[in-house]
Amino acid sequence: MNTQQFSEAITTMILQNPWIIPLMIWSVVWKTIALWKSARNNHLTIFIIIMFLNTLGILEICYILYLYYKSKKEIKPQI
């Protein structure tokens, strides 16, 4: 398959399935946020898992929520 045929195949796929572009954007946004947070927190294992698994944002959202709730527990005021 040459470059022109490949380009035509991709274009045809996108035109026949217009939901692919928003899905790709959704996934890239969540993946970027999760990778940034895992790198900042030195979570190398999570970084590698998120980098190579494509879960359409599900794993990334779970990780971000985990960090959010974990930080809420740590900041809880002492009485």
PDB file of N, CA and C in Angstrom:
ATOM      1  N   MET A   1       0.854  -1.178   0.000  1.00  0.00           N
ATOM      2  CA  MET A   1       0.000   0.000   0.000  1.00  0.00           C
ATOM      3  C   MET A   1       0.897   1.236   0.000  1.00  0.00           C
ATOM      4  N   ASN A   2       0.719   2.101  -0.977  1.00  0.00           N
ATOM      5  CA  ASN A   2       1.548   3.293  -1.027  1.00  0.00           C
ATOM      6  C   ASN A   2       0.914   4.416  -0.195  1.00  0.00           C
ATOM      7  N   THR A   3       1.603   5.522  -0.114  1.00  0.00           N
ATOM      8  CA  THR A   3       1.177   6.636   0.725  1.00  0.00           C
ATOM      9  C   THR A   3      -0.163   7.212   0.289  1.00  0.00           C
ATOM     10  N   GLN A   4      -0.391   7.331  -0.996  1.00  0.00           N
ATOM     11  CA  GLN A   4      -1.646   7.893  -1.487  1.00  0.00           C
ATOM     12  C   GLN A   4      -2.825   6.984  -1.137  1.00  0.00           C
ATOM     13  N   GLN A   5      -2.665   5.695  -1.287  1.00  0.00           N
ATOM     14  CA  GLN A   5      -3.735   4.761  -0.946  1.00  0.00           C
ATOM     15  C   GLN A   5      -4.023   4.793   0.556  1.00  0.00           C
ATOM     16  N   PHE A   6      -2.970   4.878   1.345  1.00  0.00           N
ATOM     17  CA  PHE A   6      -3.140   4.949   2.794  1.00  0.00           C
ATOM     18  C   PHE A   6      -3.882   6.219   3.182  1.00  0.00           C
ATOM     19  N   SER A   7      -3.518   7.337   2.594  1.00  0.00           N
ATOM     20  CA  SER A   7      -4.173   8.612   2.861  1.00  0.00           C
ATOM     21  C   SER A   7      -5.650   8.571   2.479  1.00  0.00           C
ATOM     22  N   GLU A   8      -5.931   7.985   1.339  1.00  0.00           N
ATOM     23  CA  GLU A   8      -7.329   7.855   0.894  1.00  0.00           C
ATOM     24  C   GLU A   8      -8.125   6.949   1.835  1.00  0.00           C
ATOM     25  N   ALA A   9      -7.505   5.884   2.317  1.00  0.00           N
ATOM     26  CA  ALA A   9      -8.184   4.970   3.238  1.00  0.00           C
ATOM     27  C   ALA A   9      -8.513   5.670   4.554  1.00  0.00           C
ATOM     28  N   ILE A  10      -7.581   6.446   5.075  1.00  0.00           N
ATOM     29  CA  ILE A  10      -7.815   7.198   6.319  1.00  0.00           C
ATOM     30  C   ILE A  10      -8.924   8.217   6.118  1.00  0.00           C
ATOM     31  N   THR A  11      -8.874   8.957   5.025  1.00  0.00           N
ATOM     32  CA  THR A  11      -9.903   9.956   4.730  1.00  0.00           C
ATOM     33  C   THR A  11     -11.278   9.315   4.623  1.00  0.00           C
ATOM     34  N   THR A  12     -11.367   8.196   3.938  1.00  0.00           N
ATOM     35  CA  THR A  12     -12.638   7.483   3.799  1.00  0.00           C
ATOM     36  C   THR A  12     -13.154   7.026   5.158  1.00  0.00           C
ATOM     37  N   MET A  13     -12.267   6.497   5.984  1.00  0.00           N
ATOM     38  CA  MET A  13     -12.666   6.033   7.305  1.00  0.00           C
ATOM     39  C   MET A  13     -13.218   7.186   8.150  1.00  0.00           C
ATOM     40  N   ILE A  14     -12.563   8.329   8.112  1.00  0.00           N
ATOM     41  CA  ILE A  14     -13.009   9.484   8.898  1.00  0.00           C
ATOM     42  C   ILE A  14     -14.338  10.017   8.362  1.00  0.00           C
ATOM     43  N   LEU A  15     -14.500  10.069   7.059  1.00  0.00           N
ATOM     44  CA  LEU A  15     -15.752  10.560   6.486  1.00  0.00           C
ATOM     45  C   LEU A  15     -16.922   9.625   6.781  1.00  0.00           C
ATOM     46  N   GLN A  16     -16.672   8.336   6.832  1.00  0.00           N
ATOM     47  CA  GLN A  16     -17.734   7.376   7.115  1.00  0.00           C
ATOM     48  C   GLN A  16     -18.040   7.276   8.609  1.00  0.00           C
ATOM     49  N   ASN A  17     -17.098   7.668   9.457  1.00  0.00           N
ATOM     50  CA  ASN A  17     -17.251   7.597  10.908  1.00  0.00           C
ATOM     51  C   ASN A  17     -16.871   8.938  11.533  1.00  0.00           C
ATOM     52  N   PRO A  18     -17.746   9.937  11.481  1.00  0.00           N
ATOM     53  CA  PRO A  18     -17.380  11.270  11.963  1.00  0.00           C
ATOM     54  C   PRO A  18     -17.156  11.353  13.474  1.00  0.00           C
ATOM     55  N   TRP A  19     -17.547  10.356  14.217  1.00  0.00           N
ATOM     56  CA  TRP A  19     -17.360  10.357  15.661  1.00  0.00           C
ATOM     57  C   TRP A  19     -15.914  10.059  16.055  1.00  0.00           C
ATOM     58  N   ILE A  20     -15.085   9.646  15.120  1.00  0.00           N
ATOM     59  CA  ILE A  20     -13.700   9.286  15.438  1.00  0.00           C
ATOM     60  C   ILE A  20     -12.899  10.503  15.910  1.00  0.00           C
ATOM     61  N   ILE A  21     -13.048  11.634  15.255  1.00  0.00           N
ATOM     62  CA  ILE A  21     -12.262  12.826  15.616  1.00  0.00           C
ATOM     63  C   ILE A  21     -12.576  13.289  17.041  1.00  0.00           C
ATOM     64  N   PRO A  22     -13.856  13.495  17.429  1.00  0.00           N
ATOM     65  CA  PRO A  22     -14.114  13.887  18.821  1.00  0.00           C
ATOM     66  C   PRO A  22     -13.619  12.851  19.831  1.00  0.00           C
ATOM     67  N   LEU A  23     -13.718  11.576  19.490  1.00  0.00           N
ATOM     68  CA  LEU A  23     -13.244  10.512  20.369  1.00  0.00           C
ATOM     69  C   LEU A  23     -11.728  10.582  20.542  1.00  0.00           C
ATOM     70  N   MET A  24     -11.024  10.870  19.466  1.00  0.00           N
ATOM     71  CA  MET A  24      -9.571  11.003  19.542  1.00  0.00           C
ATOM     72  C   MET A  24      -9.180  12.216  20.393  1.00  0.00           C
ATOM     73  N   ILE A  25      -9.875  13.319  20.219  1.00  0.00           N
ATOM     74  CA  ILE A  25      -9.587  14.517  21.005  1.00  0.00           C
ATOM     75  C   ILE A  25      -9.847  14.247  22.482  1.00  0.00           C
ATOM     76  N   TRP A  26     -10.997  13.619  22.790  1.00  0.00           N
ATOM     77  CA  TRP A  26     -11.354  13.253  24.165  1.00  0.00           C
ATOM     78  C   TRP A  26     -10.228  12.424  24.798  1.00  0.00           C
ATOM     79  N   SER A  27      -9.774  11.423  24.093  1.00  0.00           N
ATOM     80  CA  SER A  27      -8.756  10.514  24.604  1.00  0.00           C
ATOM     81  C   SER A  27      -7.419  11.229  24.821  1.00  0.00           C
ATOM     82  N   VAL A  28      -7.019  12.052  23.875  1.00  0.00           N
ATOM     83  CA  VAL A  28      -5.736  12.756  23.985  1.00  0.00           C
ATOM     84  C   VAL A  28      -5.745  13.742  25.150  1.00  0.00           C
ATOM     85  N   VAL A  29      -6.848  14.438  25.354  1.00  0.00           N
ATOM     86  CA  VAL A  29      -6.927  15.403  26.463  1.00  0.00           C
ATOM     87  C   VAL A  29      -6.767  14.684  27.798  1.00  0.00           C
ATOM     88  N   TRP A  30      -7.539  13.628  28.025  1.00  0.00           N
ATOM     89  CA  TRP A  30      -7.456  12.905  29.300  1.00  0.00           C
ATOM     90  C   TRP A  30      -6.105  12.228  29.474  1.00  0.00           C
ATOM     91  N   LYS A  31      -5.552  11.684  28.411  1.00  0.00           N
ATOM     92  CA  LYS A  31      -4.246  11.026  28.495  1.00  0.00           C
ATOM     93  C   LYS A  31      -3.166  12.042  28.863  1.00  0.00           C
ATOM     94  N   THR A  32      -3.215  13.226  28.267  1.00  0.00           N
ATOM     95  CA  THR A  32      -2.228  14.261  28.564  1.00  0.00           C
ATOM     96  C   THR A  32      -2.298  14.688  30.023  1.00  0.00           C
ATOM     97  N   ILE A  33      -3.498  14.912  30.538  1.00  0.00           N
ATOM     98  CA  ILE A  33      -3.663  15.317  31.937  1.00  0.00           C
ATOM     99  C   ILE A  33      -3.142  14.229  32.873  1.00  0.00           C
ATOM    100  N   ALA A  34      -3.521  12.980  32.618  1.00  0.00           N
ATOM    101  CA  ALA A  34      -3.093  11.884  33.481  1.00  0.00           C
ATOM    102  C   ALA A  34      -1.581  11.667  33.420  1.00  0.00           C
ATOM    103  N   LEU A  35      -1.002  11.762  32.235  1.00  0.00           N
ATOM    104  CA  LEU A  35       0.452  11.614  32.120  1.00  0.00           C
ATOM    105  C   LEU A  35       1.171  12.727  32.868  1.00  0.00           C
ATOM    106  N   TRP A  36       0.665  13.936  32.756  1.00  0.00           N
ATOM    107  CA  TRP A  36       1.273  15.071  33.463  1.00  0.00           C
ATOM    108  C   TRP A  36       1.230  14.841  34.973  1.00  0.00           C
ATOM    109  N   LYS A  37       0.063  14.448  35.486  1.00  0.00           N
ATOM    110  CA  LYS A  37      -0.079  14.242  36.925  1.00  0.00           C
ATOM    111  C   LYS A  37       0.772  13.067  37.417  1.00  0.00           C
ATOM    112  N   SER A  38       0.822  11.982  36.657  1.00  0.00           N
ATOM    113  CA  SER A  38       1.627  10.837  37.089  1.00  0.00           C
ATOM    114  C   SER A  38       3.120  11.175  37.063  1.00  0.00           C
ATOM    115  N   ALA A  39       3.547  11.955  36.107  1.00  0.00           N
ATOM    116  CA  ALA A  39       4.953  12.359  36.057  1.00  0.00           C
ATOM    117  C   ALA A  39       5.294  13.281  37.224  1.00  0.00           C
ATOM    118  N   ARG A  40       4.403  14.210  37.529  1.00  0.00           N
ATOM    119  CA  ARG A  40       4.637  15.141  38.639  1.00  0.00           C
ATOM    120  C   ARG A  40       4.673  14.431  39.992  1.00  0.00           C
ATOM    121  N   ASN A  41       3.958  13.298  40.103  1.00  0.00           N
ATOM    122  CA  ASN A  41       3.904  12.553  41.362  1.00  0.00           C
ATOM    123  C   ASN A  41       4.871  11.371  41.387  1.00  0.00           C
ATOM    124  N   ASN A  42       5.748  11.278  40.402  1.00  0.00           N
ATOM    125  CA  ASN A  42       6.746  10.200  40.312  1.00  0.00           C
ATOM    126  C   ASN A  42       6.110   8.810  40.332  1.00  0.00           C
ATOM    127  N   HIS A  43       4.977   8.647  39.668  1.00  0.00           N
ATOM    128  CA  HIS A  43       4.321   7.343  39.535  1.00  0.00           C
ATOM    129  C   HIS A  43       4.711   6.745  38.187  1.00  0.00           C
ATOM    130  N   LEU A  44       5.905   6.180  38.129  1.00  0.00           N
ATOM    131  CA  LEU A  44       6.456   5.669  36.870  1.00  0.00           C
ATOM    132  C   LEU A  44       5.623   4.524  36.298  1.00  0.00           C
ATOM    133  N   THR A  45       5.176   3.609  37.159  1.00  0.00           N
ATOM    134  CA  THR A  45       4.386   2.471  36.682  1.00  0.00           C
ATOM    135  C   THR A  45       3.094   2.941  36.027  1.00  0.00           C
ATOM    136  N   ILE A  46       2.390   3.856  36.687  1.00  0.00           N
ATOM    137  CA  ILE A  46       1.142   4.392  36.133  1.00  0.00           C
ATOM    138  C   ILE A  46       1.427   5.143  34.840  1.00  0.00           C
ATOM    139  N   PHE A  47       2.508   5.901  34.808  1.00  0.00           N
ATOM    140  CA  PHE A  47       2.882   6.630  33.600  1.00  0.00           C
ATOM    141  C   PHE A  47       3.041   5.679  32.420  1.00  0.00           C
ATOM    142  N   ILE A  48       3.760   4.576  32.630  1.00  0.00           N
ATOM    143  CA  ILE A  48       3.996   3.616  31.551  1.00  0.00           C
ATOM    144  C   ILE A  48       2.695   2.946  31.120  1.00  0.00           C
ATOM    145  N   ILE A  49       1.866   2.567  32.091  1.00  0.00           N
ATOM    146  CA  ILE A  49       0.590   1.926  31.765  1.00  0.00           C
ATOM    147  C   ILE A  49      -0.295   2.862  30.949  1.00  0.00           C
ATOM    148  N   ILE A  50      -0.426   4.102  31.390  1.00  0.00           N
ATOM    149  CA  ILE A  50      -1.269   5.071  30.679  1.00  0.00           C
ATOM    150  C   ILE A  50      -0.699   5.372  29.294  1.00  0.00           C
ATOM    151  N   MET A  51       0.614   5.418  29.202  1.00  0.00           N
ATOM    152  CA  MET A  51       1.257   5.744  27.930  1.00  0.00           C
ATOM    153  C   MET A  51       0.933   4.707  26.853  1.00  0.00           C
ATOM    154  N   PHE A  52       0.883   3.429  27.235  1.00  0.00           N
ATOM    155  CA  PHE A  52       0.752   2.377  26.233  1.00  0.00           C
ATOM    156  C   PHE A  52      -0.644   1.779  26.117  1.00  0.00           C
ATOM    157  N   LEU A  53      -1.525   2.020  27.071  1.00  0.00           N
ATOM    158  CA  LEU A  53      -2.888   1.508  26.971  1.00  0.00           C
ATOM    159  C   LEU A  53      -3.823   2.597  26.490  1.00  0.00           C
ATOM    160  N   ASN A  54      -4.631   2.284  25.511  1.00  0.00           N
ATOM    161  CA  ASN A  54      -5.628   3.225  25.028  1.00  0.00           C
ATOM    162  C   ASN A  54      -6.994   2.771  25.525  1.00  0.00           C
ATOM    163  N   THR A  55      -7.509   3.476  26.515  1.00  0.00           N
ATOM    164  CA  THR A  55      -8.780   3.094  27.137  1.00  0.00           C
ATOM    165  C   THR A  55      -9.846   4.170  26.947  1.00  0.00           C
ATOM    166  N   LEU A  56      -9.644   5.056  25.970  1.00  0.00           N
ATOM    167  CA  LEU A  56     -10.583   6.139  25.668  1.00  0.00           C
ATOM    168  C   LEU A  56     -10.834   7.042  26.871  1.00  0.00           C
ATOM    169  N   GLY A  57      -9.832   7.198  27.707  1.00  0.00           N
ATOM    170  CA  GLY A  57      -9.923   8.124  28.823  1.00  0.00           C
ATOM    171  C   GLY A  57     -10.402   7.503  30.120  1.00  0.00           C
ATOM    172  N   ILE A  58     -10.856   6.256  30.111  1.00  0.00           N
ATOM    173  CA  ILE A  58     -11.412   5.648  31.318  1.00  0.00           C
ATOM    174  C   ILE A  58     -10.339   5.468  32.387  1.00  0.00           C
ATOM    175  N   LEU A  59      -9.221   4.847  32.050  1.00  0.00           N
ATOM    176  CA  LEU A  59      -8.142   4.653  33.015  1.00  0.00           C
ATOM    177  C   LEU A  59      -7.601   6.000  33.491  1.00  0.00           C
ATOM    178  N   GLU A  60      -7.478   6.938  32.583  1.00  0.00           N
ATOM    179  CA  GLU A  60      -6.950   8.253  32.925  1.00  0.00           C
ATOM    180  C   GLU A  60      -7.863   8.980  33.912  1.00  0.00           C
ATOM    181  N   ILE A  61      -9.162   8.935  33.670  1.00  0.00           N
ATOM    182  CA  ILE A  61     -10.120   9.596  34.562  1.00  0.00           C
ATOM    183  C   ILE A  61     -10.087   8.939  35.940  1.00  0.00           C
ATOM    184  N   CYS A  62     -10.016   7.602  35.985  1.00  0.00           N
ATOM    185  CA  CYS A  62      -9.941   6.892  37.268  1.00  0.00           C
ATOM    186  C   CYS A  62      -8.700   7.310  38.045  1.00  0.00           C
ATOM    187  N   TYR A  63      -7.569   7.421  37.375  1.00  0.00           N
ATOM    188  CA  TYR A  63      -6.331   7.834  38.041  1.00  0.00           C
ATOM    189  C   TYR A  63      -6.441   9.261  38.577  1.00  0.00           C
ATOM    190  N   ILE A  64      -6.983  10.155  37.780  1.00  0.00           N
ATOM    191  CA  ILE A  64      -7.127  11.545  38.216  1.00  0.00           C
ATOM    192  C   ILE A  64      -8.077  11.637  39.412  1.00  0.00           C
ATOM    193  N   LEU A  65      -9.182  10.903  39.376  1.00  0.00           N
ATOM    194  CA  LEU A  65     -10.110  10.893  40.516  1.00  0.00           C
ATOM    195  C   LEU A  65      -9.443  10.299  41.755  1.00  0.00           C
ATOM    196  N   TYR A  66      -8.645   9.247  41.569  1.00  0.00           N
ATOM    197  CA  TYR A  66      -7.907   8.657  42.689  1.00  0.00           C
ATOM    198  C   TYR A  66      -7.005   9.712  43.332  1.00  0.00           C
ATOM    199  N   LEU A  67      -6.265  10.463  42.537  1.00  0.00           N
ATOM    200  CA  LEU A  67      -5.397  11.508  43.075  1.00  0.00           C
ATOM    201  C   LEU A  67      -6.203  12.583  43.780  1.00  0.00           C
ATOM    202  N   TYR A  68      -7.361  12.938  43.204  1.00  0.00           N
ATOM    203  CA  TYR A  68      -8.211  13.977  43.790  1.00  0.00           C
ATOM    204  C   TYR A  68      -8.693  13.551  45.176  1.00  0.00           C
ATOM    205  N   TYR A  69      -9.240  12.345  45.274  1.00  0.00           N
ATOM    206  CA  TYR A  69      -9.761  11.887  46.559  1.00  0.00           C
ATOM    207  C   TYR A  69      -8.644  11.603  47.562  1.00  0.00           C
ATOM    208  N   LYS A  70      -7.500  11.172  47.093  1.00  0.00           N
ATOM    209  CA  LYS A  70      -6.363  10.956  47.979  1.00  0.00           C
ATOM    210  C   LYS A  70      -5.894  12.288  48.576  1.00  0.00           C
ATOM    211  N   SER A  71      -5.846  13.338  47.763  1.00  0.00           N
ATOM    212  CA  SER A  71      -5.423  14.642  48.255  1.00  0.00           C
ATOM    213  C   SER A  71      -6.451  15.225  49.215  1.00  0.00           C
ATOM    214  N   LYS A  72      -7.738  14.944  49.009  1.00  0.00           N
ATOM    215  CA  LYS A  72      -8.789  15.405  49.924  1.00  0.00           C
ATOM    216  C   LYS A  72      -8.594  14.789  51.306  1.00  0.00           C
ATOM    217  N   LYS A  73      -8.228  13.507  51.374  1.00  0.00           N
ATOM    218  CA  LYS A  73      -8.026  12.834  52.657  1.00  0.00           C
ATOM    219  C   LYS A  73      -6.808  13.394  53.388  1.00  0.00           C
ATOM    220  N   GLU A  74      -5.764  13.728  52.651  1.00  0.00           N
ATOM    221  CA  GLU A  74      -4.539  14.229  53.256  1.00  0.00           C
ATOM    222  C   GLU A  74      -4.708  15.637  53.815  1.00  0.00           C
ATOM    223  N   ILE A  75      -5.578  16.438  53.226  1.00  0.00           N
ATOM    224  CA  ILE A  75      -5.779  17.821  53.642  1.00  0.00           C
ATOM    225  C   ILE A  75      -6.836  17.948  54.735  1.00  0.00           C
ATOM    226  N   LYS A  76      -7.525  16.870  55.049  1.00  0.00           N
ATOM    227  CA  LYS A  76      -8.607  16.879  56.019  1.00  0.00           C
ATOM    228  C   LYS A  76      -8.123  17.496  57.340  1.00  0.00           C
ATOM    229  N   PRO A  77      -8.838  18.496  57.850  1.00  0.00           N
ATOM    230  CA  PRO A  77      -8.397  19.174  59.078  1.00  0.00           C
ATOM    231  C   PRO A  77      -8.490  18.250  60.302  1.00  0.00           C
ATOM    232  N   GLN A  78      -7.540  18.406  61.202  1.00  0.00           N
ATOM    233  CA  GLN A  78      -7.503  17.637  62.450  1.00  0.00           C
ATOM    234  C   GLN A  78      -8.310  18.372  63.525  1.00  0.00           C
ATOM    235  N   ILE A  79      -9.142  17.637  64.239  1.00  0.00           N
ATOM    236  CA  ILE A  79      -9.947  18.260  65.308  1.00  0.00           C
ATOM    237  C   ILE A  79      -9.472  17.755  66.639  1.00  0.00           C
TER     238      ILE A  79
END
